[in-house]
Every structure is written in structure tokens, then in C-alpha cells.
Amino acid sequence: MSNQELAYSSATDLLQLISDKQVSPVELTQLFLDRIERIDPQLNSFLIVTQDQALADAKAAEDAIMRGDKLGPLHGLPISIKDTQMTKGVPTTTGSLLFKDRIPEKDAAVVERVKNAGAIMLGKTNTSEFALVGMCENRLGDHGRNPWNTDYTPGGSSGGAAAAASAFLCPLSTGGDGGGSIRIPASLCGIYGIKPTQGRVSGYTGVEGGPPAPNLFGQQGPLSRTVRDSALLLQVLAGHDRRDPNSLRHKTPNFLDSLDRGVKGLRIAWSADYGFASVESEVVKITSDAAKVFQVLGAYVGDAKLKMDDPYQAFGPIYESSAFFNYGHKRHTHGHMMTHYAREYLDMGSKVTLADYSEALGRRDQLKAQLADVFEDYDLLISPTLAMPGVPVGQFPEQIAGKPSYPHKYFSFHPFTYPINVVGHPAASIPAGFADNGLPVGLHIVGRMYDEETVIAASAAFEHARPWIDKRPPIS
């Protein structure tokens, strides 16, 4: 195979080639490092490239193969790590100028599991500051950019992770999702991303000490070019971790077994707007047409008749106060080093009262009950992933579909993602088509609590009917 054919191969296929000794981990790692050096200056998807360590780890992986050692499920495969995930001995900035020189002493749980599975870390991918917003903007350098059109954002906060996977700079990426941060960039970059059930993947950061902070919304997960590759990475990442008090104690399903289940007989609820969102008509057309594919595949697709009551009221006070809890002490001493949106979020978080927080928890319970009602009658809930077909770099939208941004410009373009973080259900974004501006549009698939398997089954069935791996962005 040529280098280009290798770069365009799925992670699953590359692992088979490694196992069959048709390609070496060193050769593959050097291939992706070369692509990063050549292509990434146009995208800024990586903040840090760990070239020397990656090649040393690849040589160790190659030696293990030659010795006939037992190999992990990702053995020898290059991977990118989101720069919110702590990496021992490697800078972790969390997208902030404040932390540009921070070098953690321990790996986060996600990084531990990826390394233990034999993967090779290529580097750390770009993110919004403190992973706060759905763009890839910070003060560490240029904006992250979309490989389909560099005038547009790849999304966020896992924007660099999605752009790197989309542009074939790595076969797999780790991401994190606290309000849509896996699904937003997956949609904008034309790849697959799944946010697992809350607690399915350990949120242990590797940082010890300090007061405990609740993690009601954040969940780590995979981004990839195929559903199978994400299922493989999720299998590696999932599982109980006693260091994380929110970590599920449920037995981890075999996600790979669900790939060929299909959707025949499933009941799927469709909503164009969750009953509250402003959505561009072009996005509704593309995603509603995509929803019809499931009918052809043997599922029943019906109107969800969903009428969410202002879901940001269940999300915002908790999200804003969490940001203030973690970083508010730096607002007055280091605010001049922060992005405009980080300063604004910390200011908003400082004003959340106990009454506001208590009310948000009550609204969260109401939203959970409302989604539970939907899943009494349906197996899945589908919708657009985003409200508009692309967001220009650095330009949070003031209007969507002719209406002022709600609740504010930072969260207006992804009204379908953050409500699912509130309820904790698994959800994925799959490529559904392309808008007139040439940018990808995603379809959002939400499952019952703990039921990633049905989300993955539906995603794989759609991918088989409408494959997207052959769609390659201009920057690739």
C-alpha cells in the first residue's frame, strides 16, 4: 500500500496490517508525523506534537510484535489526545495561556487506558479555553480550522481532535463532551463521534488533592472516521474506575457486537427542533431526509412531539458555576491572559446563587423525566446535531434562522447537544450530508440511558447505507 492509502485506511484496518506484520508501528507513526508536519500548519489541530516520544514508543511496540508478546487492542496504532486530558511528562494546557507550561505528574484515566491498550500518542489536540465553548479558539495561537473550509471552525471543544481525524492526521482521537464537545466537531468535520452514558468512561483527571468538584455533564469519548473505530476505542476507554465517584459500576457491554445488529423493528422518534430551537431550514432538510433512511432499513420513524422547556435553565447555572469553581480564583489575577468568553463565563458563574443552582437541579430532574417519557415509546431520538451548517472562525452567531441567538451566542448553534449532557444519555453525531457551502451536516442520535449499543447499531446501519469514509476534505 502507498503512504496515502495507509493514511486513508480505518484504524481497524491499520490494526490488522500491524498484526499481520504488513506495516510496522514505526513506519505508521512516522507517516502520520510527516502528515502533521506538512498539513497541520493549515489547521492548527495539534497544540503539541510528541515526535520523539511517539517514535520511541512505536519502536517498543514493534519490538513487542517481533518478540511475539501479547498485544493490546490498539497495539502500535497512532492516536491523538485532547489537550484537556492530563499526560504525564507532556504539557497539558487545557487550551489556556495560563497553563502553557504545566507538565502533569500523572496521566488521566483516558490516557492510561489508551496507553495500556498499546496506542502511540502523536500529540495533544487543540481545544477551546477550559473546554468551555463549541469553537476551537484560545490565546495559545491561531484558531483551530476546519479541513473542509479553513474559514470555518472545526467546532469545539474537541475541535482539534475532530479536525485531525477528518484530515487523516491520525486514525483515532480522544475527545471530551460537557455540552456537545464531541458531537459538535464531529458534525462540523464530517466524522463520527459518540458521547457515552454519563459515567461510562472514567473522568479521573490524574490531579490529586483539592476540594471535590461535581461532574454532572462531562464525559470522555472517541472521535473517528468510522463507527467501528469509535466502538473499538470506546471499548478500551469504558469501565469502572474507583478513583472517579461517578464511574458506572455496570458491566461494560461489548460495543463491537452491536455493530451488525441493524435497526429493523426499532422505534425512532424524530424532532427537528426539540420544541424550542431555531434551526436553519437547510439543516432540517438534510437531516430529515437522512432520518428517512432508517425507515428504508426497517425501523419505524415517528414524530417525537417533544416540547422542551428552556433546557438551558437546567444546564447554564450548573455549567457556569462549575467553570467558576474550577477557574474563578484566577479571574482577577490572570483575566488579562484569558479569552473573552472565558472571562464572561467566569463572571456569569460568579453570579449564580444557591437558589439558581437549586432551581437548575429541579429543572434537570424535569428534563430527565421528559426524555424518559420519549423513551417509553421509542428506542432512539434523532434530530439535527447543530442548528446551522458551519460557523465562521471567531464569529459566534448573533442570529440563527432569522432569530436572535438563544440563550446567548455561545450555545445557540448547538441546542440539541447540551440538553443530552443534562440528562446523561448516550448520543452520537453521524455525517448526514453536505450543505450548499460544502460543509458537512450531522445527524444526532440519542439512546436510552446505558444503551450505547443501540446508538452504535443505528449509526453502523446508517453508515452502511450511506457510507462517508470516502468523503475527503480539501485539506487532507
Protein backbone atom coordinates (compact mmCIF):
# COMPACT_ATOMS: atom_id res chain seq x y z
CA MET A 1 0.00 0.00 0.00
CA SER A 2 1.10 3.55 -0.67
CA ASN A 3 1.55 6.00 2.20
CA GLN A 4 -1.60 7.81 1.12
CA GLU A 5 -3.61 4.58 1.12
CA LEU A 6 -2.32 3.81 4.61
CA ALA A 7 -3.24 7.27 5.87
CA TYR A 8 -6.76 6.94 4.45
CA SER A 9 -7.29 3.49 5.99
CA SER A 10 -9.52 2.94 9.01
CA ALA A 11 -8.00 2.29 12.42
CA THR A 12 -9.44 -1.23 12.31
CA ASP A 13 -7.73 -1.98 9.01
CA LEU A 14 -4.44 -0.50 10.22
CA LEU A 15 -4.50 -2.67 13.32
CA GLN A 16 -4.96 -5.74 11.13
CA LEU A 17 -2.00 -4.70 8.99
CA ILE A 18 0.11 -4.23 12.13
CA SER A 19 -0.95 -7.62 13.49
CA ASP A 20 -0.15 -9.29 10.15
CA LYS A 21 3.27 -7.56 10.13
CA GLN A 22 2.46 -5.87 6.82
CA VAL A 23 3.17 -2.46 8.30
CA SER A 24 5.29 -1.57 11.32
CA PRO A 25 4.24 0.80 14.12
CA VAL A 26 7.37 2.86 13.42
CA GLU A 27 6.52 3.21 9.74
CA LEU A 28 2.94 4.15 10.54
CA THR A 29 3.86 6.62 13.26
CA GLN A 30 6.40 8.35 11.01
CA LEU A 31 3.78 8.52 8.26
CA PHE A 32 1.33 10.43 10.45
CA LEU A 33 4.04 12.62 11.95
CA ASP A 34 5.06 13.60 8.42
CA ARG A 35 1.44 14.39 7.53
CA ILE A 36 1.06 16.53 10.66
CA GLU A 37 4.21 18.48 9.79
CA ARG A 38 3.07 19.03 6.20
CA ILE A 39 -0.68 19.61 6.61
CA ASP A 40 -1.37 20.84 10.13
CA PRO A 41 0.01 24.38 9.71
CA GLN A 42 -3.21 24.99 7.74
CA LEU A 43 -5.43 23.61 10.51
CA ASN A 44 -3.67 24.11 13.84
CA SER A 45 -5.33 20.92 15.08
CA PHE A 46 -2.34 19.99 17.27
CA LEU A 47 -1.05 22.18 20.09
CA ILE A 48 1.81 19.80 20.91
CA VAL A 49 3.41 17.08 18.77
CA THR A 50 5.34 14.48 20.77
CA GLN A 51 7.51 13.25 17.92
CA ASP A 52 10.50 11.81 19.82
CA GLN A 53 8.37 10.01 22.39
CA ALA A 54 5.99 8.72 19.71
CA LEU A 55 8.82 7.20 17.69
CA ALA A 56 10.39 5.66 20.80
CA ASP A 57 7.03 4.15 21.80
CA ALA A 58 6.49 2.91 18.25
CA LYS A 59 9.89 1.18 18.29
CA ALA A 60 8.97 -0.50 21.60
CA ALA A 61 5.65 -1.59 20.08
CA GLU A 62 7.44 -3.02 17.06
CA ASP A 63 9.88 -4.93 19.27
CA ALA A 64 6.95 -6.42 21.22
CA ILE A 65 5.43 -7.70 17.98
CA MET A 66 8.69 -9.28 16.89
CA ARG A 67 9.05 -10.98 20.29
CA GLY A 68 5.56 -12.40 19.99
CA ASP A 69 4.29 -10.62 23.12
CA LYS A 70 0.60 -10.48 23.90
CA LEU A 71 -0.71 -7.32 22.25
CA GLY A 72 -3.35 -4.84 23.38
CA PRO A 73 -6.38 -3.93 21.23
CA LEU A 74 -4.73 -0.71 19.97
CA HIS A 75 -1.18 -2.01 19.80
CA GLY A 76 1.06 0.13 17.62
CA LEU A 77 -1.73 2.44 16.43
CA PRO A 78 -1.03 6.21 16.43
CA ILE A 79 -3.65 8.31 18.24
CA SER A 80 -4.19 11.92 19.26
CA ILE A 81 -5.07 13.02 22.80
CA LYS A 82 -7.24 16.06 23.54
CA ASP A 83 -5.26 18.68 25.42
CA THR A 84 -7.71 18.74 28.30
CA GLN A 85 -6.63 15.21 29.22
CA MET A 86 -3.61 15.15 31.54
CA THR A 87 -0.48 13.48 30.15
CA LYS A 88 2.40 12.58 32.41
CA GLY A 89 5.54 14.47 31.44
CA VAL A 90 3.85 16.17 28.48
CA PRO A 91 2.39 19.70 28.67
CA THR A 92 -1.39 19.90 29.17
CA THR A 93 -2.68 23.41 28.60
CA THR A 94 -6.47 22.88 28.71
CA GLY A 95 -6.44 25.41 25.89
CA SER A 96 -5.29 28.20 28.17
CA LEU A 97 -2.31 30.52 28.14
CA LEU A 98 -2.39 30.22 31.94
CA PHE A 99 -1.29 26.59 31.70
CA LYS A 100 1.07 26.68 28.72
CA ASP A 101 3.95 25.39 30.87
CA ARG A 102 2.03 22.88 33.02
CA ILE A 103 3.51 19.39 32.94
CA PRO A 104 1.35 16.86 34.84
CA GLU A 105 2.84 14.20 37.08
CA LYS A 106 0.17 11.62 36.19
CA ASP A 107 -1.92 10.54 33.23
CA ALA A 108 -5.68 10.96 33.19
CA ALA A 109 -7.62 7.69 33.16
CA VAL A 110 -8.38 8.03 29.44
CA VAL A 111 -4.68 8.35 28.65
CA GLU A 112 -3.81 5.42 30.90
CA ARG A 113 -6.26 3.16 29.11
CA VAL A 114 -5.15 4.22 25.65
CA LYS A 115 -1.51 3.61 26.54
CA ASN A 116 -2.26 0.30 28.25
CA ALA A 117 -4.03 -0.81 25.06
CA GLY A 118 -0.79 -0.19 23.15
CA ALA A 119 -1.62 3.03 21.28
CA ILE A 120 1.07 5.55 20.33
CA MET A 121 0.39 9.19 21.32
CA LEU A 122 1.20 11.55 18.44
CA GLY A 123 0.46 14.69 20.44
CA LYS A 124 -2.17 16.89 22.09
CA THR A 125 -5.02 18.40 20.10
CA ASN A 126 -6.37 21.94 20.14
CA THR A 127 -9.36 22.97 22.24
CA SER A 128 -11.25 26.00 23.45
CA GLU A 129 -10.02 27.57 26.68
CA PHE A 130 -11.01 25.38 29.65
CA ALA A 131 -13.12 23.43 27.09
CA LEU A 132 -15.87 26.00 27.61
CA VAL A 133 -17.37 26.60 24.16
CA GLY A 134 -18.13 24.88 20.86
CA MET A 135 -15.37 26.67 18.95
CA CYS A 136 -11.62 26.00 18.72
CA GLU A 137 -10.35 29.38 19.85
CA ASN A 138 -7.79 30.23 22.54
CA ARG A 139 -4.81 32.52 23.11
CA LEU A 140 -2.14 29.89 22.52
CA GLY A 141 -2.01 30.57 18.80
CA ASP A 142 -4.16 30.64 15.68
CA HIS A 143 -7.70 29.33 15.74
CA GLY A 144 -8.27 25.68 15.02
CA ARG A 145 -9.62 25.43 11.48
CA ASN A 146 -11.95 23.13 9.57
CA PRO A 147 -10.33 20.92 6.89
CA TRP A 148 -13.44 21.33 4.70
CA ASN A 149 -13.00 25.11 4.67
CA THR A 150 -10.38 26.85 6.77
CA ASP A 151 -12.51 29.98 7.09
CA TYR A 152 -14.78 27.92 9.35
CA THR A 153 -14.28 26.47 12.81
CA PRO A 154 -13.89 22.72 13.31
CA GLY A 155 -16.10 23.17 16.39
CA GLY A 156 -15.20 22.52 19.96
CA SER A 157 -14.20 21.93 22.43
CA SER A 158 -12.68 18.80 20.82
CA GLY A 159 -12.11 20.77 17.62
CA GLY A 160 -8.51 19.79 17.08
CA ALA A 161 -9.32 16.14 17.70
CA ALA A 162 -12.05 16.16 15.04
CA ALA A 163 -10.06 18.18 12.51
CA ALA A 164 -7.06 15.85 12.89
CA ALA A 165 -9.17 12.74 12.32
CA SER A 166 -11.07 14.35 9.43
CA ALA A 167 -7.85 15.41 7.68
CA PHE A 168 -6.30 11.93 8.14
CA LEU A 169 -3.63 13.21 10.51
CA CYS A 170 -4.39 10.33 12.90
CA PRO A 171 -6.61 7.24 12.75
CA LEU A 172 -8.29 7.88 16.13
CA SER A 173 -8.77 10.79 18.52
CA THR A 174 -9.84 11.07 22.13
CA GLY A 175 -12.35 13.80 22.96
CA GLY A 176 -14.45 15.06 25.82
CA ASP A 177 -18.05 16.27 25.88
CA GLY A 178 -19.57 18.51 28.57
CA GLY A 179 -22.15 20.29 26.40
CA GLY A 180 -21.60 18.81 22.96
CA SER A 181 -17.82 18.92 22.65
CA ILE A 182 -17.52 15.57 20.85
CA ARG A 183 -20.68 15.81 18.76
CA ILE A 184 -20.32 19.46 17.65
CA PRO A 185 -16.91 18.99 15.96
CA ALA A 186 -17.89 15.55 14.65
CA SER A 187 -20.78 17.21 12.83
CA LEU A 188 -18.76 20.16 11.54
CA CYS A 189 -15.82 18.00 10.40
CA GLY A 190 -17.84 15.19 8.81
CA ILE A 191 -16.77 12.34 11.07
CA TYR A 192 -18.29 10.15 13.78
CA GLY A 193 -18.28 10.91 17.49
CA ILE A 194 -20.13 9.40 20.42
CA LYS A 195 -20.68 10.76 23.92
CA PRO A 196 -21.21 7.71 26.13
CA THR A 197 -23.63 7.48 29.04
CA GLN A 198 -22.54 9.73 31.90
CA GLY A 199 -20.02 7.76 33.96
CA ARG A 200 -19.32 5.10 31.31
CA VAL A 201 -15.75 6.38 30.87
CA SER A 202 -13.73 7.47 33.88
CA GLY A 203 -13.37 11.19 34.41
CA TYR A 204 -10.33 10.78 36.69
CA THR A 205 -8.03 13.61 35.72
CA GLY A 206 -4.77 12.49 37.28
CA VAL A 207 -4.79 15.55 39.55
CA GLU A 208 -4.92 14.73 43.26
CA GLY A 209 -5.98 16.91 46.16
CA GLY A 210 -8.22 19.93 46.39
CA PRO A 211 -11.95 20.02 47.13
CA PRO A 212 -14.09 17.55 45.18
CA ALA A 213 -15.94 19.05 42.22
CA PRO A 214 -19.15 17.50 40.86
CA ASN A 215 -19.06 16.27 37.28
CA LEU A 216 -22.70 16.25 36.21
CA PHE A 217 -22.19 16.76 32.48
CA GLY A 218 -18.66 15.92 31.28
CA GLN A 219 -17.86 12.60 29.63
CA GLN A 220 -14.84 11.40 27.66
CA GLY A 221 -15.23 9.52 24.39
CA PRO A 222 -13.95 8.76 20.89
CA LEU A 223 -13.86 10.54 17.53
CA SER A 224 -13.09 8.64 14.35
CA ARG A 225 -13.85 8.30 10.66
CA THR A 226 -15.88 5.09 11.08
CA VAL A 227 -18.40 3.81 13.61
CA ARG A 228 -16.42 0.60 14.13
CA ASP A 229 -13.29 2.54 15.03
CA SER A 230 -15.17 4.56 17.66
CA ALA A 231 -16.74 1.39 19.06
CA LEU A 232 -13.26 -0.10 19.35
CA LEU A 233 -11.87 2.93 21.18
CA LEU A 234 -14.92 3.16 23.44
CA GLN A 235 -14.38 -0.49 24.39
CA VAL A 236 -10.88 0.43 25.53
CA LEU A 237 -11.96 3.56 27.41
CA ALA A 238 -15.06 2.22 29.19
CA GLY A 239 -15.13 0.53 32.58
CA HIS A 240 -15.37 1.26 36.26
CA ASP A 241 -12.66 3.33 37.94
CA ARG A 242 -12.82 3.63 41.73
CA ARG A 243 -10.93 6.93 41.57
CA ASP A 244 -13.97 8.51 39.90
CA PRO A 245 -17.01 8.55 42.21
CA ASN A 246 -19.32 8.94 39.20
CA SER A 247 -17.86 5.95 37.37
CA LEU A 248 -20.52 3.37 36.47
CA ARG A 249 -20.33 0.00 38.18
CA HIS A 250 -22.42 -1.62 35.47
CA LYS A 251 -20.80 -4.35 33.42
CA THR A 252 -19.40 -2.80 30.26
CA PRO A 253 -21.27 -4.00 27.15
CA ASN A 254 -19.45 -5.39 24.13
CA PHE A 255 -19.90 -2.42 21.83
CA LEU A 256 -18.37 -4.19 18.85
CA ASP A 257 -21.05 -6.88 18.99
CA SER A 258 -23.73 -4.26 18.31
CA LEU A 259 -22.26 -3.12 15.00
CA ASP A 260 -24.16 -5.65 12.88
CA ARG A 261 -27.45 -5.62 14.78
CA GLY A 262 -29.24 -3.31 12.36
CA VAL A 263 -32.35 -1.26 13.11
CA LYS A 264 -35.17 -3.48 11.89
CA GLY A 265 -38.11 -3.22 14.30
CA LEU A 266 -36.72 -0.23 16.20
CA ARG A 267 -38.98 2.70 17.01
CA ILE A 268 -37.23 6.01 16.34
CA ALA A 269 -38.51 9.46 17.34
CA TRP A 270 -37.67 12.42 15.09
CA SER A 271 -37.55 16.04 16.21
CA ALA A 272 -36.47 18.95 14.03
CA ASP A 273 -36.13 21.41 16.91
CA TYR A 274 -36.75 19.74 20.32
CA GLY A 275 -39.73 22.06 20.50
CA PHE A 276 -37.69 25.20 21.29
CA ALA A 277 -34.70 25.64 18.97
CA SER A 278 -34.21 27.91 15.97
CA VAL A 279 -32.74 25.79 13.16
CA GLU A 280 -31.71 26.74 9.65
CA SER A 281 -34.08 25.21 7.07
CA GLU A 282 -31.22 23.69 5.06
CA VAL A 283 -30.11 21.70 8.11
CA VAL A 284 -33.66 20.47 8.76
CA LYS A 285 -33.98 19.32 5.14
CA ILE A 286 -30.70 17.40 5.12
CA THR A 287 -31.29 15.69 8.46
CA SER A 288 -34.97 14.89 7.91
CA ASP A 289 -34.02 13.24 4.61
CA ALA A 290 -31.34 11.28 6.49
CA ALA A 291 -33.91 10.19 9.07
CA LYS A 292 -35.93 8.53 6.30
CA VAL A 293 -33.03 6.14 5.69
CA PHE A 294 -33.97 4.34 8.90
CA GLN A 295 -37.46 3.68 7.53
CA VAL A 296 -35.91 2.06 4.46
CA LEU A 297 -33.78 -0.07 6.82
CA GLY A 298 -36.87 -1.39 8.62
CA ALA A 299 -37.33 0.97 11.56
CA TYR A 300 -40.43 2.97 12.38
CA VAL A 301 -39.78 6.73 12.45
CA GLY A 302 -42.38 8.91 14.17
CA ASP A 303 -42.78 12.46 15.43
CA ALA A 304 -41.29 12.84 18.90
CA LYS A 305 -43.73 15.68 19.69
CA LEU A 306 -41.02 16.91 22.03
CA LYS A 307 -41.52 20.31 23.66
CA MET A 308 -38.53 21.10 25.84
CA ASP A 309 -39.00 23.99 28.24
CA ASP A 310 -35.91 26.17 28.10
CA PRO A 311 -33.29 23.44 28.71
CA TYR A 312 -30.51 25.98 29.26
CA GLN A 313 -32.13 26.79 32.60
CA ALA A 314 -31.29 23.22 33.64
CA PHE A 315 -27.79 23.45 32.19
CA GLY A 316 -26.49 27.00 32.40
CA PRO A 317 -26.33 27.72 36.15
CA ILE A 318 -24.63 24.37 36.82
CA TYR A 319 -22.20 24.71 33.90
CA GLU A 320 -21.35 28.34 34.68
CA SER A 321 -20.85 27.77 38.40
CA SER A 322 -18.66 24.74 37.65
CA ALA A 323 -16.41 26.91 35.49
CA PHE A 324 -16.21 29.46 38.30
CA PHE A 325 -15.46 26.73 40.87
CA ASN A 326 -12.51 25.49 38.80
CA TYR A 327 -11.04 28.73 37.47
CA GLY A 328 -12.76 31.67 39.15
CA HIS A 329 -9.87 32.24 41.55
CA LYS A 330 -7.74 33.20 38.53
CA ARG A 331 -10.23 35.67 37.03
CA HIS A 332 -8.92 38.80 38.77
CA THR A 333 -5.21 37.92 38.81
CA HIS A 334 -4.92 36.38 35.32
CA GLY A 335 -8.02 37.58 33.48
CA HIS A 336 -5.88 39.57 31.06
CA MET A 337 -4.44 36.25 29.81
CA MET A 338 -7.85 34.69 29.15
CA THR A 339 -10.14 34.69 26.13
CA HIS A 340 -13.17 36.99 26.14
CA TYR A 341 -15.56 34.07 26.51
CA ALA A 342 -13.62 32.57 29.45
CA ARG A 343 -13.80 35.86 31.32
CA GLU A 344 -17.51 36.14 30.55
CA TYR A 345 -18.24 32.59 31.74
CA LEU A 346 -16.37 33.10 34.97
CA ASP A 347 -18.27 36.33 35.53
CA MET A 348 -21.58 34.54 34.88
CA GLY A 349 -20.56 31.72 37.21
CA SER A 350 -19.73 34.16 39.99
CA LYS A 351 -23.32 35.41 39.93
CA VAL A 352 -25.06 32.03 40.22
CA THR A 353 -26.86 31.93 43.56
CA LEU A 354 -27.71 28.89 45.65
CA ALA A 355 -31.32 29.42 44.61
CA ASP A 356 -30.31 29.46 40.92
CA TYR A 357 -28.35 26.24 41.36
CA SER A 358 -31.16 24.51 43.24
CA GLU A 359 -33.67 25.53 40.61
CA ALA A 360 -31.38 24.19 37.87
CA LEU A 361 -31.22 20.81 39.63
CA GLY A 362 -35.01 20.76 39.76
CA ARG A 363 -35.26 21.61 36.08
CA ARG A 364 -32.70 18.89 35.39
CA ASP A 365 -35.00 16.35 37.02
CA GLN A 366 -37.89 17.63 34.92
CA LEU A 367 -35.85 17.29 31.72
CA LYS A 368 -34.81 13.77 32.67
CA ALA A 369 -38.46 12.84 33.17
CA GLN A 370 -39.41 14.40 29.84
CA LEU A 371 -36.79 12.36 27.99
CA ALA A 372 -37.84 9.25 29.92
CA ASP A 373 -41.36 9.77 28.55
CA VAL A 374 -39.98 9.79 24.99
CA PHE A 375 -38.11 6.56 25.63
CA GLU A 376 -41.23 4.88 26.98
CA ASP A 377 -42.43 4.78 23.37
CA TYR A 378 -39.22 4.91 21.35
CA ASP A 379 -35.80 3.26 21.25
CA LEU A 380 -33.93 6.28 19.87
CA LEU A 381 -34.38 10.03 19.46
CA ILE A 382 -32.91 11.65 16.34
CA SER A 383 -32.54 15.29 15.30
CA PRO A 384 -30.03 17.59 13.64
CA THR A 385 -26.77 17.76 15.58
CA LEU A 386 -26.42 21.51 15.06
CA ALA A 387 -28.72 24.39 14.15
CA MET A 388 -26.64 25.78 11.28
CA PRO A 389 -24.32 24.47 8.54
CA GLY A 390 -20.98 25.75 9.74
CA VAL A 391 -19.75 28.61 11.89
CA PRO A 392 -17.08 31.05 10.62
CA VAL A 393 -13.86 31.16 12.61
CA GLY A 394 -14.11 33.51 15.58
CA GLN A 395 -17.71 34.53 14.86
CA PHE A 396 -20.19 33.23 17.39
CA PRO A 397 -23.58 33.64 15.68
CA GLU A 398 -25.77 36.57 16.68
CA GLN A 399 -28.78 35.11 14.80
CA ILE A 400 -29.96 31.69 13.67
CA ALA A 401 -32.84 31.21 11.21
CA GLY A 402 -33.54 34.93 11.47
CA LYS A 403 -33.98 34.88 15.24
CA PRO A 404 -31.64 36.26 17.93
CA SER A 405 -29.24 33.69 19.37
CA TYR A 406 -30.60 31.85 22.39
CA PRO A 407 -29.70 31.55 25.23
CA HIS A 408 -26.67 33.50 24.01
CA LYS A 409 -24.34 33.26 21.05
CA TYR A 410 -22.01 30.75 22.75
CA PHE A 411 -24.58 27.95 22.94
CA SER A 412 -27.11 28.93 20.27
CA PHE A 413 -25.74 26.86 17.38
CA HIS A 414 -25.81 23.52 19.23
CA PRO A 415 -29.19 23.48 21.01
CA PHE A 416 -29.52 19.70 20.59
CA THR A 417 -26.33 18.69 22.36
CA TYR A 418 -26.25 20.29 25.82
CA PRO A 419 -29.72 19.04 26.89
CA ILE A 420 -28.41 15.49 26.47
CA ASN A 421 -25.49 16.24 28.78
CA VAL A 422 -28.09 17.35 31.33
CA VAL A 423 -29.90 14.00 31.22
CA GLY A 424 -26.72 11.89 30.83
CA HIS A 425 -27.90 9.70 27.94
CA PRO A 426 -25.52 8.40 25.26
CA ALA A 427 -25.59 10.31 21.97
CA ALA A 428 -23.69 10.34 18.70
CA SER A 429 -23.30 12.51 15.62
CA ILE A 430 -23.09 10.83 12.23
CA PRO A 431 -22.41 12.52 8.87
CA ALA A 432 -25.78 13.07 7.15
CA GLY A 433 -24.83 15.10 4.08
CA PHE A 434 -23.41 18.40 2.92
CA ALA A 435 -24.79 21.93 2.93
CA ASP A 436 -24.65 24.28 -0.04
CA ASN A 437 -21.49 25.84 1.42
CA GLY A 438 -19.74 22.47 1.14
CA LEU A 439 -19.60 21.82 4.88
CA PRO A 440 -20.76 18.57 6.49
CA VAL A 441 -24.03 18.34 8.42
CA GLY A 442 -24.51 15.83 11.23
CA LEU A 443 -27.48 13.76 12.38
CA HIS A 444 -27.82 13.42 16.17
CA ILE A 445 -28.76 10.01 17.61
CA VAL A 446 -29.70 9.77 21.29
CA GLY A 447 -30.25 6.48 23.11
CA ARG A 448 -31.70 5.34 26.40
CA MET A 449 -29.56 5.65 29.50
CA TYR A 450 -26.80 2.99 29.44
CA ASP A 451 -27.74 1.93 25.88
CA GLU A 452 -24.78 2.88 23.71
CA GLU A 453 -25.30 -0.41 21.90
CA THR A 454 -28.48 0.71 20.12
CA VAL A 455 -26.91 4.09 19.26
CA ILE A 456 -23.92 2.28 17.75
CA ALA A 457 -26.15 -0.24 15.93
CA ALA A 458 -28.18 2.55 14.33
CA SER A 459 -25.03 4.52 13.49
CA ALA A 460 -23.44 1.50 11.81
CA ALA A 461 -26.61 0.68 9.87
CA PHE A 462 -26.80 4.26 8.58
CA GLU A 463 -23.10 4.23 7.71
CA HIS A 464 -23.58 1.01 5.72
CA ALA A 465 -26.49 2.56 3.81
CA ARG A 466 -24.84 5.98 3.34
CA PRO A 467 -21.05 5.47 3.71
CA TRP A 468 -18.89 8.54 4.26
CA ILE A 469 -15.30 7.33 4.70
CA ASP A 470 -14.59 8.08 1.04
CA LYS A 471 -15.55 11.76 1.53
CA ARG A 472 -12.24 13.57 1.93
CA PRO A 473 -11.87 17.24 2.81
CA PRO A 474 -9.74 19.56 0.63
CA ILE A 475 -7.18 19.82 3.44
CA SER A 476 -6.16 16.17 3.71
